[in-house]
Amino acid sequence: MTHLRKMMLEELQRRNYAQSTAEAYILALKELARYHRVPPDRLRPQQIREFQLHLLRERKLSPQTVKQRMSGIRFFYVHTLRRLFPPNEFPYPKTRRRLPVILSRDEVRRLIDGASNLFHRAMLMTLYSTGMRRAELVRLRVGDIDSQRMVVHIRHGKGDKDRDVPLSPMLLETLREYWRWRKPQTYLFPSRHIYQKKGEHITSKAVWHACRGAAQRAGIQKTVGPHTLRHCFATHHLESGADLKTVQLLLGHADIRHTEIYLHLSERHIRACPNPLDGLGVSDLSTVNRSWRRDKK
């Protein structure tokens, strides 16, 4: 690691940024230096804007990914090098707000049944039953499953916040059977990869592959990933009558506006208001002309 990247990492750690965010920001700085082949502290704003266009035009990264890269670069210049830049010096690309993919309850059942083994089945059930993030799942420890209080302790979530979520009896039964089989010691889902140390947890990519493989075996055509089950958890809770504040607490959202998106996905809320077309009282379909010929005036 170069001296500049080490300085940036130390600044990120002082501000208690999440490890995943720190890794993404360091990667952005590394790519910037590789593109211009000079140390990033010697670059001018015009060269940074050229790099942003390179990410969008040549590498064809999504606007959201480019926005993350630019956030990392901005952090380096503003917080690590303490340089003053005008707020609009490095503009963020405009991003579209897309509604997430939601599976029906039957599709979630098929997805879980499509797991290749008990290890993957336990992971998918935990994701759907708790609504936790993929990064939270891989760090889940055996001791975080509290069968006495029937809660799952999620520690060091986004923003380094802890929270508890209810432990489903069905999930507990599955996890007990899984524990008798694998007998995990520290992490609930330990890695068996030959290149990782013994006792390490699985990678986030392993969770993604488990999810995609189960979706393919279940014949689900929608794009499904680990975060899809988090979206399903929130939406299905709202459809079952849970209030928005409760869902916010279960998801660990700092701002309830991030939770409100699920109101647009919940069938119960979508159908709460009658459609204005249904109250018009238009003429019966039997009276409608079915000819393509124009009427003569």
C-alpha atoms as a PDB file:
ATOM      1  CA  MET A   1       0.000   0.000   0.000  1.00  0.00           C
ATOM      2  CA  THR A   2       1.339   3.425  -0.968  1.00  0.00           C
ATOM      3  CA  HIS A   3       1.957   6.197   1.553  1.00  0.00           C
ATOM      4  CA  LEU A   4      -1.034   8.206   0.296  1.00  0.00           C
ATOM      5  CA  ARG A   5      -3.408   5.262   0.540  1.00  0.00           C
ATOM      6  CA  LYS A   6      -2.143   4.503   4.033  1.00  0.00           C
ATOM      7  CA  MET A   7      -2.823   8.120   5.045  1.00  0.00           C
ATOM      8  CA  MET A   8      -6.324   7.859   3.623  1.00  0.00           C
ATOM      9  CA  LEU A   9      -6.993   4.555   5.388  1.00  0.00           C
ATOM     10  CA  GLU A  10      -5.904   5.988   8.723  1.00  0.00           C
ATOM     11  CA  GLU A  11      -8.223   8.973   8.240  1.00  0.00           C
ATOM     12  CA  LEU A  12     -11.110   6.623   7.403  1.00  0.00           C
ATOM     13  CA  GLN A  13     -10.388   4.572  10.525  1.00  0.00           C
ATOM     14  CA  ARG A  14     -10.268   7.684  12.708  1.00  0.00           C
ATOM     15  CA  ARG A  15     -13.729   8.586  11.466  1.00  0.00           C
ATOM     16  CA  ASN A  16     -14.910   4.988  12.088  1.00  0.00           C
ATOM     17  CA  TYR A  17     -15.978   4.299   8.504  1.00  0.00           C
ATOM     18  CA  ALA A  18     -17.213   0.788   7.756  1.00  0.00           C
ATOM     19  CA  GLN A  19     -14.605  -1.603   6.397  1.00  0.00           C
ATOM     20  CA  SER A  20     -16.523  -2.093   3.159  1.00  0.00           C
ATOM     21  CA  THR A  21     -16.701   1.678   2.616  1.00  0.00           C
ATOM     22  CA  ALA A  22     -12.998   2.094   3.376  1.00  0.00           C
ATOM     23  CA  GLU A  23     -12.112  -0.644   0.877  1.00  0.00           C
ATOM     24  CA  ALA A  24     -14.267   0.988  -1.820  1.00  0.00           C
ATOM     25  CA  TYR A  25     -12.686   4.418  -1.213  1.00  0.00           C
ATOM     26  CA  ILE A  26      -9.147   3.008  -1.303  1.00  0.00           C
ATOM     27  CA  LEU A  27     -10.000   1.218  -4.567  1.00  0.00           C
ATOM     28  CA  ALA A  28     -11.218   4.508  -6.076  1.00  0.00           C
ATOM     29  CA  LEU A  29      -7.914   6.213  -5.244  1.00  0.00           C
ATOM     30  CA  LYS A  30      -5.944   3.261  -6.630  1.00  0.00           C
ATOM     31  CA  GLU A  31      -7.859   3.339  -9.920  1.00  0.00           C
ATOM     32  CA  LEU A  32      -7.381   7.111 -10.217  1.00  0.00           C
ATOM     33  CA  ALA A  33      -3.599   6.797  -9.813  1.00  0.00           C
ATOM     34  CA  ARG A  34      -3.470   3.863 -12.249  1.00  0.00           C
ATOM     35  CA  TYR A  35      -5.417   5.779 -14.898  1.00  0.00           C
ATOM     36  CA  HIS A  36      -3.160   8.867 -14.893  1.00  0.00           C
ATOM     37  CA  ARG A  37       0.029   7.003 -13.849  1.00  0.00           C
ATOM     38  CA  VAL A  38       0.987   9.745 -11.413  1.00  0.00           C
ATOM     39  CA  PRO A  39       0.494  10.102  -7.650  1.00  0.00           C
ATOM     40  CA  PRO A  40      -3.029  11.429  -6.997  1.00  0.00           C
ATOM     41  CA  ASP A  41      -1.780  14.331  -4.858  1.00  0.00           C
ATOM     42  CA  ARG A  42      -0.266  15.838  -8.048  1.00  0.00           C
ATOM     43  CA  LEU A  43      -3.476  15.737 -10.069  1.00  0.00           C
ATOM     44  CA  ARG A  44      -5.530  18.763 -10.981  1.00  0.00           C
ATOM     45  CA  PRO A  45      -9.349  18.989 -10.926  1.00  0.00           C
ATOM     46  CA  GLN A  46      -9.512  18.726 -14.727  1.00  0.00           C
ATOM     47  CA  GLN A  47      -7.702  15.366 -14.615  1.00  0.00           C
ATOM     48  CA  ILE A  48     -10.110  14.079 -11.985  1.00  0.00           C
ATOM     49  CA  ARG A  49     -13.061  15.054 -14.164  1.00  0.00           C
ATOM     50  CA  GLU A  50     -11.426  13.194 -17.071  1.00  0.00           C
ATOM     51  CA  PHE A  51     -11.246  10.092 -14.867  1.00  0.00           C
ATOM     52  CA  GLN A  52     -14.947  10.432 -14.052  1.00  0.00           C
ATOM     53  CA  LEU A  53     -15.810  10.518 -17.759  1.00  0.00           C
ATOM     54  CA  HIS A  54     -13.572   7.474 -18.280  1.00  0.00           C
ATOM     55  CA  LEU A  55     -15.591   5.536 -15.713  1.00  0.00           C
ATOM     56  CA  LEU A  56     -18.880   6.495 -17.363  1.00  0.00           C
ATOM     57  CA  ARG A  57     -18.002   6.349 -21.059  1.00  0.00           C
ATOM     58  CA  GLU A  58     -15.268   3.741 -21.440  1.00  0.00           C
ATOM     59  CA  ARG A  59     -15.755   1.427 -18.469  1.00  0.00           C
ATOM     60  CA  LYS A  60     -19.531   1.983 -18.589  1.00  0.00           C
ATOM     61  CA  LEU A  61     -19.938   1.743 -14.824  1.00  0.00           C
ATOM     62  CA  SER A  62     -23.352   2.511 -13.396  1.00  0.00           C
ATOM     63  CA  PRO A  63     -23.944   6.081 -12.148  1.00  0.00           C
ATOM     64  CA  GLN A  64     -24.319   4.725  -8.609  1.00  0.00           C
ATOM     65  CA  THR A  65     -20.893   3.040  -8.793  1.00  0.00           C
ATOM     66  CA  VAL A  66     -19.298   6.185 -10.227  1.00  0.00           C
ATOM     67  CA  LYS A  67     -20.912   8.207  -7.452  1.00  0.00           C
ATOM     68  CA  GLN A  68     -19.241   5.948  -4.884  1.00  0.00           C
ATOM     69  CA  ARG A  69     -15.875   6.298  -6.635  1.00  0.00           C
ATOM     70  CA  MET A  70     -16.181  10.090  -6.633  1.00  0.00           C
ATOM     71  CA  SER A  71     -17.146  10.075  -2.950  1.00  0.00           C
ATOM     72  CA  GLY A  72     -13.911   8.252  -2.209  1.00  0.00           C
ATOM     73  CA  ILE A  73     -11.852  10.657  -4.296  1.00  0.00           C
ATOM     74  CA  ARG A  74     -13.539  13.656  -2.689  1.00  0.00           C
ATOM     75  CA  PHE A  75     -12.792  12.187   0.765  1.00  0.00           C
ATOM     76  CA  PHE A  76      -9.107  11.879  -0.161  1.00  0.00           C
ATOM     77  CA  TYR A  77      -8.697  15.492  -1.246  1.00  0.00           C
ATOM     78  CA  VAL A  78     -10.946  17.129   1.339  1.00  0.00           C
ATOM     79  CA  HIS A  79     -10.272  15.059   4.475  1.00  0.00           C
ATOM     80  CA  THR A  80      -6.886  13.429   3.874  1.00  0.00           C
ATOM     81  CA  LEU A  81      -5.025  16.195   2.020  1.00  0.00           C
ATOM     82  CA  ARG A  82      -7.144  18.973   3.618  1.00  0.00           C
ATOM     83  CA  ARG A  83      -7.607  20.768   0.320  1.00  0.00           C
ATOM     84  CA  LEU A  84     -10.475  23.165  -0.191  1.00  0.00           C
ATOM     85  CA  PHE A  85     -12.558  22.420  -3.261  1.00  0.00           C
ATOM     86  CA  PRO A  86     -15.773  24.155  -4.318  1.00  0.00           C
ATOM     87  CA  PRO A  87     -18.807  21.887  -3.684  1.00  0.00           C
ATOM     88  CA  ASN A  88     -19.457  21.474  -7.427  1.00  0.00           C
ATOM     89  CA  GLU A  89     -15.841  20.836  -8.428  1.00  0.00           C
ATOM     90  CA  PHE A  90     -16.463  17.077  -8.709  1.00  0.00           C
ATOM     91  CA  PRO A  91     -20.163  16.683  -9.567  1.00  0.00           C
ATOM     92  CA  TYR A  92     -21.912  13.407  -8.844  1.00  0.00           C
ATOM     93  CA  PRO A  93     -23.654  11.783 -11.819  1.00  0.00           C
ATOM     94  CA  LYS A  94     -27.419  11.789 -11.719  1.00  0.00           C
ATOM     95  CA  THR A  95     -28.809   8.444 -10.580  1.00  0.00           C
ATOM     96  CA  ARG A  96     -32.202   6.949 -11.258  1.00  0.00           C
ATOM     97  CA  ARG A  97     -34.414   5.834  -8.427  1.00  0.00           C
ATOM     98  CA  ARG A  98     -35.424   2.278  -9.241  1.00  0.00           C
ATOM     99  CA  LEU A  99     -37.817   0.156  -7.255  1.00  0.00           C
ATOM    100  CA  PRO A 100     -36.187  -3.051  -5.993  1.00  0.00           C
ATOM    101  CA  VAL A 101     -37.194  -6.489  -7.208  1.00  0.00           C
ATOM    102  CA  ILE A 102     -39.666  -8.191  -4.873  1.00  0.00           C
ATOM    103  CA  LEU A 103     -40.446 -11.910  -4.766  1.00  0.00           C
ATOM    104  CA  SER A 104     -43.845 -13.272  -3.832  1.00  0.00           C
ATOM    105  CA  ARG A 105     -44.054 -15.505  -0.778  1.00  0.00           C
ATOM    106  CA  ASP A 106     -44.305 -18.543  -3.052  1.00  0.00           C
ATOM    107  CA  GLU A 107     -41.164 -17.461  -4.920  1.00  0.00           C
ATOM    108  CA  VAL A 108     -39.283 -17.074  -1.616  1.00  0.00           C
ATOM    109  CA  ARG A 109     -40.400 -20.602  -0.673  1.00  0.00           C
ATOM    110  CA  ARG A 110     -39.129 -21.933  -4.003  1.00  0.00           C
ATOM    111  CA  LEU A 111     -35.863 -20.055  -3.565  1.00  0.00           C
ATOM    112  CA  ILE A 112     -35.240 -21.596  -0.136  1.00  0.00           C
ATOM    113  CA  ASP A 113     -36.165 -25.044  -1.432  1.00  0.00           C
ATOM    114  CA  GLY A 114     -33.738 -24.482  -4.310  1.00  0.00           C
ATOM    115  CA  ALA A 115     -30.722 -24.246  -1.971  1.00  0.00           C
ATOM    116  CA  SER A 116     -28.064 -26.798  -2.876  1.00  0.00           C
ATOM    117  CA  ASN A 117     -27.421 -27.916   0.730  1.00  0.00           C
ATOM    118  CA  LEU A 118     -28.305 -27.213   4.356  1.00  0.00           C
ATOM    119  CA  PHE A 119     -25.513 -24.628   4.620  1.00  0.00           C
ATOM    120  CA  HIS A 120     -27.038 -22.507   1.846  1.00  0.00           C
ATOM    121  CA  ARG A 121     -30.593 -23.154   3.051  1.00  0.00           C
ATOM    122  CA  ALA A 122     -29.729 -21.843   6.535  1.00  0.00           C
ATOM    123  CA  MET A 123     -28.167 -18.720   5.006  1.00  0.00           C
ATOM    124  CA  LEU A 124     -31.186 -17.956   2.801  1.00  0.00           C
ATOM    125  CA  MET A 125     -33.639 -18.529   5.634  1.00  0.00           C
ATOM    126  CA  THR A 126     -31.609 -16.267   7.939  1.00  0.00           C
ATOM    127  CA  LEU A 127     -31.527 -13.480   5.342  1.00  0.00           C
ATOM    128  CA  TYR A 128     -35.280 -13.615   4.760  1.00  0.00           C
ATOM    129  CA  SER A 129     -36.301 -14.160   8.385  1.00  0.00           C
ATOM    130  CA  THR A 130     -34.197 -11.326   9.836  1.00  0.00           C
ATOM    131  CA  GLY A 131     -33.875  -8.845   6.959  1.00  0.00           C
ATOM    132  CA  MET A 132     -30.171  -8.443   7.708  1.00  0.00           C
ATOM    133  CA  ARG A 133     -27.666  -7.215   5.177  1.00  0.00           C
ATOM    134  CA  ARG A 134     -25.222  -9.557   3.472  1.00  0.00           C
ATOM    135  CA  ALA A 135     -22.256  -8.034   5.351  1.00  0.00           C
ATOM    136  CA  GLU A 136     -24.123  -8.549   8.628  1.00  0.00           C
ATOM    137  CA  LEU A 137     -24.842 -12.183   7.780  1.00  0.00           C
ATOM    138  CA  VAL A 138     -21.225 -13.155   7.131  1.00  0.00           C
ATOM    139  CA  ARG A 139     -20.162 -11.679  10.512  1.00  0.00           C
ATOM    140  CA  LEU A 140     -22.968 -13.378  12.440  1.00  0.00           C
ATOM    141  CA  ARG A 141     -21.614 -15.424  15.347  1.00  0.00           C
ATOM    142  CA  VAL A 142     -22.994 -18.551  16.974  1.00  0.00           C
ATOM    143  CA  GLY A 143     -23.523 -16.618  20.217  1.00  0.00           C
ATOM    144  CA  ASP A 144     -25.676 -14.044  18.420  1.00  0.00           C
ATOM    145  CA  ILE A 145     -28.516 -16.564  18.195  1.00  0.00           C
ATOM    146  CA  ASP A 146     -30.303 -16.051  21.517  1.00  0.00           C
ATOM    147  CA  SER A 147     -32.800 -18.892  21.842  1.00  0.00           C
ATOM    148  CA  GLN A 148     -33.691 -17.896  25.425  1.00  0.00           C
ATOM    149  CA  ARG A 149     -35.025 -14.478  24.422  1.00  0.00           C
ATOM    150  CA  MET A 150     -35.840 -15.633  20.850  1.00  0.00           C
ATOM    151  CA  VAL A 151     -33.896 -12.800  19.234  1.00  0.00           C
ATOM    152  CA  VAL A 152     -30.954 -12.519  16.842  1.00  0.00           C
ATOM    153  CA  HIS A 153     -28.312  -9.979  17.851  1.00  0.00           C
ATOM    154  CA  ILE A 154     -26.990  -8.072  14.827  1.00  0.00           C
ATOM    155  CA  ARG A 155     -23.784  -6.372  15.883  1.00  0.00           C
ATOM    156  CA  HIS A 156     -21.786  -3.644  14.137  1.00  0.00           C
ATOM    157  CA  GLY A 157     -24.354  -3.062  11.424  1.00  0.00           C
ATOM    158  CA  LYS A 158     -24.293  -0.115   9.052  1.00  0.00           C
ATOM    159  CA  GLY A 159     -23.115   2.958  10.954  1.00  0.00           C
ATOM    160  CA  ASP A 160     -21.601   0.580  13.561  1.00  0.00           C
ATOM    161  CA  LYS A 161     -25.028   0.182  15.177  1.00  0.00           C
ATOM    162  CA  ASP A 162     -26.357  -2.904  16.966  1.00  0.00           C
ATOM    163  CA  ARG A 163     -29.942  -4.104  16.828  1.00  0.00           C
ATOM    164  CA  ASP A 164     -32.051  -7.119  17.761  1.00  0.00           C
ATOM    165  CA  VAL A 165     -34.569  -8.826  15.500  1.00  0.00           C
ATOM    166  CA  PRO A 166     -37.042 -11.595  16.392  1.00  0.00           C
ATOM    167  CA  LEU A 167     -35.871 -15.192  16.025  1.00  0.00           C
ATOM    168  CA  SER A 168     -38.349 -17.287  14.079  1.00  0.00           C
ATOM    169  CA  PRO A 169     -39.052 -20.743  15.609  1.00  0.00           C
ATOM    170  CA  MET A 170     -38.747 -22.248  12.123  1.00  0.00           C
ATOM    171  CA  LEU A 171     -35.366 -20.573  11.637  1.00  0.00           C
ATOM    172  CA  LEU A 172     -34.224 -21.768  15.074  1.00  0.00           C
ATOM    173  CA  GLU A 173     -35.146 -25.348  14.193  1.00  0.00           C
ATOM    174  CA  THR A 174     -33.183 -25.101  10.944  1.00  0.00           C
ATOM    175  CA  LEU A 175     -30.149 -23.517  12.621  1.00  0.00           C
ATOM    176  CA  ARG A 176     -30.092 -26.221  15.301  1.00  0.00           C
ATOM    177  CA  GLU A 177     -30.108 -28.938  12.655  1.00  0.00           C
ATOM    178  CA  TYR A 178     -27.423 -27.045  10.753  1.00  0.00           C
ATOM    179  CA  TRP A 179     -25.290 -26.690  13.920  1.00  0.00           C
ATOM    180  CA  ARG A 180     -25.502 -30.420  14.619  1.00  0.00           C
ATOM    181  CA  TRP A 181     -24.219 -31.008  11.088  1.00  0.00           C
ATOM    182  CA  ARG A 182     -21.461 -28.382  10.734  1.00  0.00           C
ATOM    183  CA  LYS A 183     -20.783 -27.544  14.402  1.00  0.00           C
ATOM    184  CA  PRO A 184     -19.540 -23.976  13.762  1.00  0.00           C
ATOM    185  CA  GLN A 185     -17.456 -22.571  16.616  1.00  0.00           C
ATOM    186  CA  THR A 186     -17.110 -18.798  16.204  1.00  0.00           C
ATOM    187  CA  TYR A 187     -18.877 -17.581  13.104  1.00  0.00           C
ATOM    188  CA  LEU A 188     -22.223 -19.147  12.306  1.00  0.00           C
ATOM    189  CA  PHE A 189     -21.231 -19.488   8.650  1.00  0.00           C
ATOM    190  CA  PRO A 190     -17.470 -20.239   8.613  1.00  0.00           C
ATOM    191  CA  SER A 191     -15.476 -20.391   5.419  1.00  0.00           C
ATOM    192  CA  ARG A 192     -14.046 -23.633   4.073  1.00  0.00           C
ATOM    193  CA  HIS A 193     -12.027 -21.929   1.346  1.00  0.00           C
ATOM    194  CA  ILE A 194      -8.462 -23.228   1.161  1.00  0.00           C
ATOM    195  CA  TYR A 195      -7.022 -19.704   0.864  1.00  0.00           C
ATOM    196  CA  GLN A 196      -8.700 -18.406   4.027  1.00  0.00           C
ATOM    197  CA  LYS A 197      -7.557 -18.997   7.579  1.00  0.00           C
ATOM    198  CA  LYS A 198      -9.391 -21.550   9.661  1.00  0.00           C
ATOM    199  CA  GLY A 199     -12.180 -19.957  11.643  1.00  0.00           C
ATOM    200  CA  GLU A 200     -12.749 -17.077   9.206  1.00  0.00           C
ATOM    201  CA  HIS A 201     -16.268 -16.276   8.035  1.00  0.00           C
ATOM    202  CA  ILE A 202     -17.485 -16.747   4.469  1.00  0.00           C
ATOM    203  CA  THR A 203     -17.131 -13.930   1.969  1.00  0.00           C
ATOM    204  CA  SER A 204     -19.979 -11.744   0.768  1.00  0.00           C
ATOM    205  CA  LYS A 205     -19.475 -13.176  -2.722  1.00  0.00           C
ATOM    206  CA  ALA A 206     -20.182 -16.686  -1.411  1.00  0.00           C
ATOM    207  CA  VAL A 207     -23.581 -15.519  -0.159  1.00  0.00           C
ATOM    208  CA  TRP A 208     -24.333 -13.986  -3.554  1.00  0.00           C
ATOM    209  CA  HIS A 209     -23.451 -17.217  -5.376  1.00  0.00           C
ATOM    210  CA  ALA A 210     -25.639 -19.246  -3.005  1.00  0.00           C
ATOM    211  CA  CYS A 211     -28.557 -16.940  -3.725  1.00  0.00           C
ATOM    212  CA  ARG A 212     -28.097 -16.917  -7.492  1.00  0.00           C
ATOM    213  CA  GLY A 213     -27.681 -20.690  -7.638  1.00  0.00           C
ATOM    214  CA  ALA A 214     -30.873 -21.261  -5.647  1.00  0.00           C
ATOM    215  CA  ALA A 215     -32.796 -18.857  -7.903  1.00  0.00           C
ATOM    216  CA  GLN A 216     -31.659 -20.703 -11.025  1.00  0.00           C
ATOM    217  CA  ARG A 217     -32.611 -24.103  -9.607  1.00  0.00           C
ATOM    218  CA  ALA A 218     -35.999 -22.690  -8.553  1.00  0.00           C
ATOM    219  CA  GLY A 219     -36.634 -21.393 -12.072  1.00  0.00           C
ATOM    220  CA  ILE A 220     -37.021 -17.777 -10.911  1.00  0.00           C
ATOM    221  CA  GLN A 221     -36.476 -15.421 -13.845  1.00  0.00           C
ATOM    222  CA  LYS A 222     -36.154 -12.245 -11.763  1.00  0.00           C
ATOM    223  CA  THR A 223     -32.728 -10.887 -10.863  1.00  0.00           C
ATOM    224  CA  VAL A 224     -32.215 -12.180  -7.335  1.00  0.00           C
ATOM    225  CA  GLY A 225     -29.422 -11.412  -4.887  1.00  0.00           C
ATOM    226  CA  PRO A 226     -28.994 -11.458  -1.087  1.00  0.00           C
ATOM    227  CA  HIS A 227     -30.396  -7.931  -0.772  1.00  0.00           C
ATOM    228  CA  THR A 228     -33.555  -9.086  -2.565  1.00  0.00           C
ATOM    229  CA  LEU A 229     -34.467 -11.105   0.521  1.00  0.00           C
ATOM    230  CA  ARG A 230     -34.047  -7.990   2.670  1.00  0.00           C
ATOM    231  CA  HIS A 231     -36.469  -6.152   0.374  1.00  0.00           C
ATOM    232  CA  CYS A 232     -38.900  -9.081   0.601  1.00  0.00           C
ATOM    233  CA  PHE A 233     -38.620  -9.114   4.399  1.00  0.00           C
ATOM    234  CA  ALA A 234     -39.646  -5.440   4.616  1.00  0.00           C
ATOM    235  CA  THR A 235     -42.389  -5.608   1.991  1.00  0.00           C
ATOM    236  CA  HIS A 236     -43.987  -8.785   3.336  1.00  0.00           C
ATOM    237  CA  HIS A 237     -43.954  -7.315   6.858  1.00  0.00           C
ATOM    238  CA  LEU A 238     -45.876  -4.266   5.646  1.00  0.00           C
ATOM    239  CA  GLU A 239     -48.321  -6.476   3.770  1.00  0.00           C
ATOM    240  CA  SER A 240     -48.929  -8.407   6.985  1.00  0.00           C
ATOM    241  CA  GLY A 241     -49.889  -5.211   8.826  1.00  0.00           C
ATOM    242  CA  ALA A 242     -46.628  -4.065  10.440  1.00  0.00           C
ATOM    243  CA  ASP A 243     -46.253  -0.308  10.821  1.00  0.00           C
ATOM    244  CA  LEU A 244     -43.503   1.619   9.052  1.00  0.00           C
ATOM    245  CA  LYS A 245     -41.625   2.558  12.248  1.00  0.00           C
ATOM    246  CA  THR A 246     -41.329  -1.080  13.305  1.00  0.00           C
ATOM    247  CA  VAL A 247     -39.971  -2.075   9.887  1.00  0.00           C
ATOM    248  CA  GLN A 248     -37.482   0.796  10.083  1.00  0.00           C
ATOM    249  CA  LEU A 249     -36.152  -0.495  13.416  1.00  0.00           C
ATOM    250  CA  LEU A 250     -35.936  -4.078  12.147  1.00  0.00           C
ATOM    251  CA  LEU A 251     -34.002  -3.002   9.060  1.00  0.00           C
ATOM    252  CA  GLY A 252     -31.696  -0.698  11.005  1.00  0.00           C
ATOM    253  CA  HIS A 253     -32.476   2.357   8.862  1.00  0.00           C
ATOM    254  CA  ALA A 254     -31.272   5.638  10.352  1.00  0.00           C
ATOM    255  CA  ASP A 255     -33.799   7.627   8.284  1.00  0.00           C
ATOM    256  CA  ILE A 256     -37.403   6.507   7.866  1.00  0.00           C
ATOM    257  CA  ARG A 257     -37.362   7.922   4.326  1.00  0.00           C
ATOM    258  CA  HIS A 258     -35.244   4.924   3.319  1.00  0.00           C
ATOM    259  CA  THR A 259     -38.004   2.647   4.614  1.00  0.00           C
ATOM    260  CA  GLU A 260     -40.841   4.490   2.892  1.00  0.00           C
ATOM    261  CA  ILE A 261     -39.891   3.021  -0.476  1.00  0.00           C
ATOM    262  CA  TYR A 262     -41.461  -0.260   0.634  1.00  0.00           C
ATOM    263  CA  LEU A 263     -44.862   1.424   0.816  1.00  0.00           C
ATOM    264  CA  HIS A 264     -44.688   1.576  -2.984  1.00  0.00           C
ATOM    265  CA  LEU A 265     -44.089  -2.169  -3.104  1.00  0.00           C
ATOM    266  CA  SER A 266     -46.596  -3.442  -0.565  1.00  0.00           C
ATOM    267  CA  GLU A 267     -49.749  -4.859  -2.205  1.00  0.00           C
ATOM    268  CA  ARG A 268     -51.783  -3.974   0.878  1.00  0.00           C
ATOM    269  CA  HIS A 269     -50.905  -0.296   0.549  1.00  0.00           C
ATOM    270  CA  ILE A 270     -51.220  -0.299  -3.242  1.00  0.00           C
ATOM    271  CA  ARG A 271     -54.750  -1.699  -3.003  1.00  0.00           C
ATOM    272  CA  ALA A 272     -55.789   0.444  -0.047  1.00  0.00           C
ATOM    273  CA  CYS A 273     -57.260   3.133  -2.321  1.00  0.00           C
ATOM    274  CA  PRO A 274     -59.788   2.212  -5.013  1.00  0.00           C
ATOM    275  CA  ASN A 275     -58.738   2.798  -8.590  1.00  0.00           C
ATOM    276  CA  PRO A 276     -60.503   5.884 -10.035  1.00  0.00           C
ATOM    277  CA  LEU A 277     -61.316   3.993 -13.238  1.00  0.00           C
ATOM    278  CA  ASP A 278     -63.447   1.490 -11.317  1.00  0.00           C
ATOM    279  CA  GLY A 279     -65.871   4.225 -10.230  1.00  0.00           C
ATOM    280  CA  LEU A 280     -66.561   5.781 -13.631  1.00  0.00           C
ATOM    281  CA  GLY A 281     -69.453   3.538 -14.670  1.00  0.00           C
ATOM    282  CA  VAL A 282     -68.496   3.376 -18.349  1.00  0.00           C
ATOM    283  CA  SER A 283     -70.765   1.630 -20.856  1.00  0.00           C
ATOM    284  CA  ASP A 284     -70.901  -2.158 -21.111  1.00  0.00           C
ATOM    285  CA  LEU A 285     -68.255  -3.830 -23.289  1.00  0.00           C
ATOM    286  CA  SER A 286     -70.982  -5.498 -25.363  1.00  0.00           C
ATOM    287  CA  THR A 287     -71.892  -2.077 -26.815  1.00  0.00           C
ATOM    288  CA  VAL A 288     -68.370  -1.213 -27.956  1.00  0.00           C
ATOM    289  CA  ASN A 289     -67.716  -1.249 -31.721  1.00  0.00           C
ATOM    290  CA  ARG A 290     -65.201  -3.901 -32.794  1.00  0.00           C
ATOM    291  CA  SER A 291     -64.656  -2.674 -36.359  1.00  0.00           C
ATOM    292  CA  TRP A 292     -61.451  -1.001 -37.521  1.00  0.00           C
ATOM    293  CA  ARG A 293     -63.355   0.869 -40.252  1.00  0.00           C
ATOM    294  CA  ARG A 294     -63.754   4.576 -39.692  1.00  0.00           C
ATOM    295  CA  ASP A 295     -67.255   5.956 -39.367  1.00  0.00           C
ATOM    296  CA  LYS A 296     -68.303   8.176 -42.245  1.00  0.00           C
ATOM    297  CA  LYS A 297     -69.221  11.707 -41.274  1.00  0.00           C
END
